[in-house]
């Protein structure tokens, strides 16, 4: 279990505990596997990802609302080392919970996201 801190946001990476203001969040298993593979290869990218998650947890509605059949999801965009990256997440207001669904580069992001969500 690894405890991480990003701008007063604490969470444990094994998806058990998340504490940030009033919002909690969790990740899908596929996203957790992807992040685990980044721990060995791309530590700077993983650190950037965690910074962005900290920003999302502070203001979950700041992301872009997706359209069409993905209208219940939000997308958060940022650039890391010249590559445009995105995080897709779903906000559940009643539970004050954020589900981190998918993470990847802008290229084919929405096509891959739809494949993942609507298998």
C-alpha atoms as a PDB file:
ATOM      1  CA  UNK A   1       0.000   0.000   0.000  1.00  0.00           C
ATOM      2  CA  UNK A   2       1.446   3.370  -0.997  1.00  0.00           C
ATOM      3  CA  UNK A   3       0.182   6.587   0.551  1.00  0.00           C
ATOM      4  CA  UNK A   4       0.465   9.598  -1.730  1.00  0.00           C
ATOM      5  CA  UNK A   5      -0.044  13.304  -1.138  1.00  0.00           C
ATOM      6  CA  UNK A   6      -0.942  15.873  -3.768  1.00  0.00           C
ATOM      7  CA  UNK A   7      -1.897  19.360  -2.607  1.00  0.00           C
ATOM      8  CA  UNK A   8      -3.622  18.289   0.637  1.00  0.00           C
ATOM      9  CA  UNK A   9      -5.215  15.297  -1.110  1.00  0.00           C
ATOM     10  CA  UNK A  10      -4.433  11.893   0.396  1.00  0.00           C
ATOM     11  CA  UNK A  11      -5.193   8.501  -1.063  1.00  0.00           C
ATOM     12  CA  UNK A  12      -3.997   4.918  -0.967  1.00  0.00           C
ATOM     13  CA  UNK A  13      -3.293   3.412  -4.365  1.00  0.00           C
ATOM     14  CA  UNK A  14      -4.906   0.048  -3.681  1.00  0.00           C
ATOM     15  CA  UNK A  15      -8.353   1.717  -4.001  1.00  0.00           C
ATOM     16  CA  UNK A  16      -9.298   1.295  -0.322  1.00  0.00           C
ATOM     17  CA  UNK A  17      -9.028   4.763   1.147  1.00  0.00           C
ATOM     18  CA  UNK A  18      -9.408   8.127  -0.438  1.00  0.00           C
ATOM     19  CA  UNK A  19      -9.790  11.344   1.472  1.00  0.00           C
ATOM     20  CA  UNK A  20      -9.999  14.733  -0.137  1.00  0.00           C
ATOM     21  CA  UNK A  21     -12.193  17.460   1.180  1.00  0.00           C
ATOM     22  CA  UNK A  22     -15.653  15.887   0.863  1.00  0.00           C
ATOM     23  CA  UNK A  23     -15.042  13.915  -2.329  1.00  0.00           C
ATOM     24  CA  UNK A  24     -13.823  10.330  -2.571  1.00  0.00           C
ATOM     25  CA  UNK A  25     -12.632   8.581  -5.709  1.00  0.00           C
ATOM     26  CA  UNK A  26     -11.743   5.156  -7.022  1.00  0.00           C
ATOM     27  CA  UNK A  27     -10.247   3.727 -10.201  1.00  0.00           C
ATOM     28  CA  UNK A  28     -11.283   0.900 -12.472  1.00  0.00           C
ATOM     29  CA  UNK A  29      -9.163  -2.251 -12.410  1.00  0.00           C
ATOM     30  CA  UNK A  30      -7.933  -1.611 -15.932  1.00  0.00           C
ATOM     31  CA  UNK A  31      -6.788   1.868 -14.957  1.00  0.00           C
ATOM     32  CA  UNK A  32      -5.036   0.470 -11.872  1.00  0.00           C
ATOM     33  CA  UNK A  33      -3.140  -2.041 -14.045  1.00  0.00           C
ATOM     34  CA  UNK A  34      -2.072   0.742 -16.391  1.00  0.00           C
ATOM     35  CA  UNK A  35      -0.859   2.901 -13.511  1.00  0.00           C
ATOM     36  CA  UNK A  36       1.041  -0.020 -12.010  1.00  0.00           C
ATOM     37  CA  UNK A  37       2.896  -0.519 -15.295  1.00  0.00           C
ATOM     38  CA  UNK A  38       3.823   3.181 -15.287  1.00  0.00           C
ATOM     39  CA  UNK A  39       5.407   2.890 -11.815  1.00  0.00           C
ATOM     40  CA  UNK A  40       8.409   1.104 -13.315  1.00  0.00           C
ATOM     41  CA  UNK A  41       8.763   2.861 -16.658  1.00  0.00           C
ATOM     42  CA  UNK A  42       7.431   6.406 -16.429  1.00  0.00           C
ATOM     43  CA  UNK A  43       7.585   7.788 -12.906  1.00  0.00           C
ATOM     44  CA  UNK A  44       7.372  11.408 -14.088  1.00  0.00           C
ATOM     45  CA  UNK A  45       4.194  10.659 -16.064  1.00  0.00           C
ATOM     46  CA  UNK A  46       2.700   8.890 -13.056  1.00  0.00           C
ATOM     47  CA  UNK A  47       3.511  11.881 -10.840  1.00  0.00           C
ATOM     48  CA  UNK A  48       1.855  14.187 -13.379  1.00  0.00           C
ATOM     49  CA  UNK A  49      -1.212  11.921 -13.426  1.00  0.00           C
ATOM     50  CA  UNK A  50      -1.484  12.081  -9.622  1.00  0.00           C
ATOM     51  CA  UNK A  51      -1.206  15.876  -9.710  1.00  0.00           C
ATOM     52  CA  UNK A  52      -4.074  16.015 -12.198  1.00  0.00           C
ATOM     53  CA  UNK A  53      -6.209  13.655 -10.098  1.00  0.00           C
ATOM     54  CA  UNK A  54      -5.625  15.993  -7.143  1.00  0.00           C
ATOM     55  CA  UNK A  55      -6.945  18.880  -9.237  1.00  0.00           C
ATOM     56  CA  UNK A  56      -9.966  16.842 -10.376  1.00  0.00           C
ATOM     57  CA  UNK A  57     -10.834  15.850  -6.805  1.00  0.00           C
ATOM     58  CA  UNK A  58     -10.768  19.483  -5.673  1.00  0.00           C
ATOM     59  CA  UNK A  59     -13.150  20.604  -8.459  1.00  0.00           C
ATOM     60  CA  UNK A  60     -14.686  17.631 -10.267  1.00  0.00           C
ATOM     61  CA  UNK A  61     -17.002  19.796 -12.388  1.00  0.00           C
ATOM     62  CA  UNK A  62     -14.074  21.700 -13.973  1.00  0.00           C
ATOM     63  CA  UNK A  63     -13.579  18.963 -16.582  1.00  0.00           C
ATOM     64  CA  UNK A  64     -15.285  18.956 -19.967  1.00  0.00           C
ATOM     65  CA  UNK A  65     -18.649  17.208 -20.121  1.00  0.00           C
ATOM     66  CA  UNK A  66     -18.634  14.626 -22.894  1.00  0.00           C
ATOM     67  CA  UNK A  67     -21.418  14.428 -25.474  1.00  0.00           C
ATOM     68  CA  UNK A  68     -23.557  11.739 -27.049  1.00  0.00           C
ATOM     69  CA  UNK A  69     -23.520   8.296 -25.484  1.00  0.00           C
ATOM     70  CA  UNK A  70     -20.709   9.441 -23.134  1.00  0.00           C
ATOM     71  CA  UNK A  71     -22.743  12.357 -21.756  1.00  0.00           C
ATOM     72  CA  UNK A  72     -22.599  11.072 -18.175  1.00  0.00           C
ATOM     73  CA  UNK A  73     -18.772  11.315 -18.158  1.00  0.00           C
ATOM     74  CA  UNK A  74     -16.246  14.128 -17.811  1.00  0.00           C
ATOM     75  CA  UNK A  75     -12.865  14.495 -19.477  1.00  0.00           C
ATOM     76  CA  UNK A  76      -9.807  16.234 -18.017  1.00  0.00           C
ATOM     77  CA  UNK A  77      -7.099  17.326 -20.490  1.00  0.00           C
ATOM     78  CA  UNK A  78      -3.485  18.293 -19.907  1.00  0.00           C
ATOM     79  CA  UNK A  79      -0.155  18.181 -21.702  1.00  0.00           C
ATOM     80  CA  UNK A  80       2.879  16.246 -20.473  1.00  0.00           C
ATOM     81  CA  UNK A  81       6.175  16.435 -22.368  1.00  0.00           C
ATOM     82  CA  UNK A  82       4.416  17.643 -25.507  1.00  0.00           C
ATOM     83  CA  UNK A  83       1.802  14.865 -25.467  1.00  0.00           C
ATOM     84  CA  UNK A  84      -1.877  15.687 -24.953  1.00  0.00           C
ATOM     85  CA  UNK A  85      -3.331  13.371 -22.281  1.00  0.00           C
ATOM     86  CA  UNK A  86      -6.856  12.790 -20.984  1.00  0.00           C
ATOM     87  CA  UNK A  87      -8.550  11.289 -17.952  1.00  0.00           C
ATOM     88  CA  UNK A  88     -12.166  10.180 -18.211  1.00  0.00           C
ATOM     89  CA  UNK A  89     -14.186  10.110 -15.013  1.00  0.00           C
ATOM     90  CA  UNK A  90     -17.744   9.945 -13.758  1.00  0.00           C
ATOM     91  CA  UNK A  91     -19.085  12.110 -10.922  1.00  0.00           C
ATOM     92  CA  UNK A  92     -21.793  10.806  -8.588  1.00  0.00           C
ATOM     93  CA  UNK A  93     -23.133  13.857  -6.760  1.00  0.00           C
ATOM     94  CA  UNK A  94     -25.283  11.961  -4.257  1.00  0.00           C
ATOM     95  CA  UNK A  95     -22.327   9.921  -2.948  1.00  0.00           C
ATOM     96  CA  UNK A  96     -19.769  12.699  -3.537  1.00  0.00           C
ATOM     97  CA  UNK A  97     -17.695  10.078  -5.347  1.00  0.00           C
ATOM     98  CA  UNK A  98     -15.584  10.250  -8.500  1.00  0.00           C
ATOM     99  CA  UNK A  99     -14.994   7.120 -10.597  1.00  0.00           C
ATOM    100  CA  UNK A 100     -11.773   7.380 -12.608  1.00  0.00           C
ATOM    101  CA  UNK A 101     -12.549   5.321 -15.677  1.00  0.00           C
ATOM    102  CA  UNK A 102      -9.874   5.701 -18.334  1.00  0.00           C
ATOM    103  CA  UNK A 103      -6.545   7.428 -18.996  1.00  0.00           C
ATOM    104  CA  UNK A 104      -4.561   7.833 -22.200  1.00  0.00           C
ATOM    105  CA  UNK A 105      -3.250  10.057 -24.944  1.00  0.00           C
ATOM    106  CA  UNK A 106      -5.617  12.123 -27.069  1.00  0.00           C
ATOM    107  CA  UNK A 107      -5.026   9.927 -30.112  1.00  0.00           C
ATOM    108  CA  UNK A 108      -7.981   7.529 -30.433  1.00  0.00           C
ATOM    109  CA  UNK A 109      -8.938   8.267 -26.816  1.00  0.00           C
ATOM    110  CA  UNK A 110     -12.707   8.396 -27.297  1.00  0.00           C
ATOM    111  CA  UNK A 111     -12.769   5.384 -29.622  1.00  0.00           C
ATOM    112  CA  UNK A 112     -10.838   3.319 -27.043  1.00  0.00           C
ATOM    113  CA  UNK A 113     -12.968   4.702 -24.223  1.00  0.00           C
ATOM    114  CA  UNK A 114     -16.174   3.605 -25.942  1.00  0.00           C
ATOM    115  CA  UNK A 115     -14.708   0.148 -26.515  1.00  0.00           C
ATOM    116  CA  UNK A 116     -13.851  -0.069 -22.825  1.00  0.00           C
ATOM    117  CA  UNK A 117     -17.190   1.211 -21.502  1.00  0.00           C
ATOM    118  CA  UNK A 118     -19.565  -0.430 -23.983  1.00  0.00           C
ATOM    119  CA  UNK A 119     -17.841  -3.818 -24.428  1.00  0.00           C
END
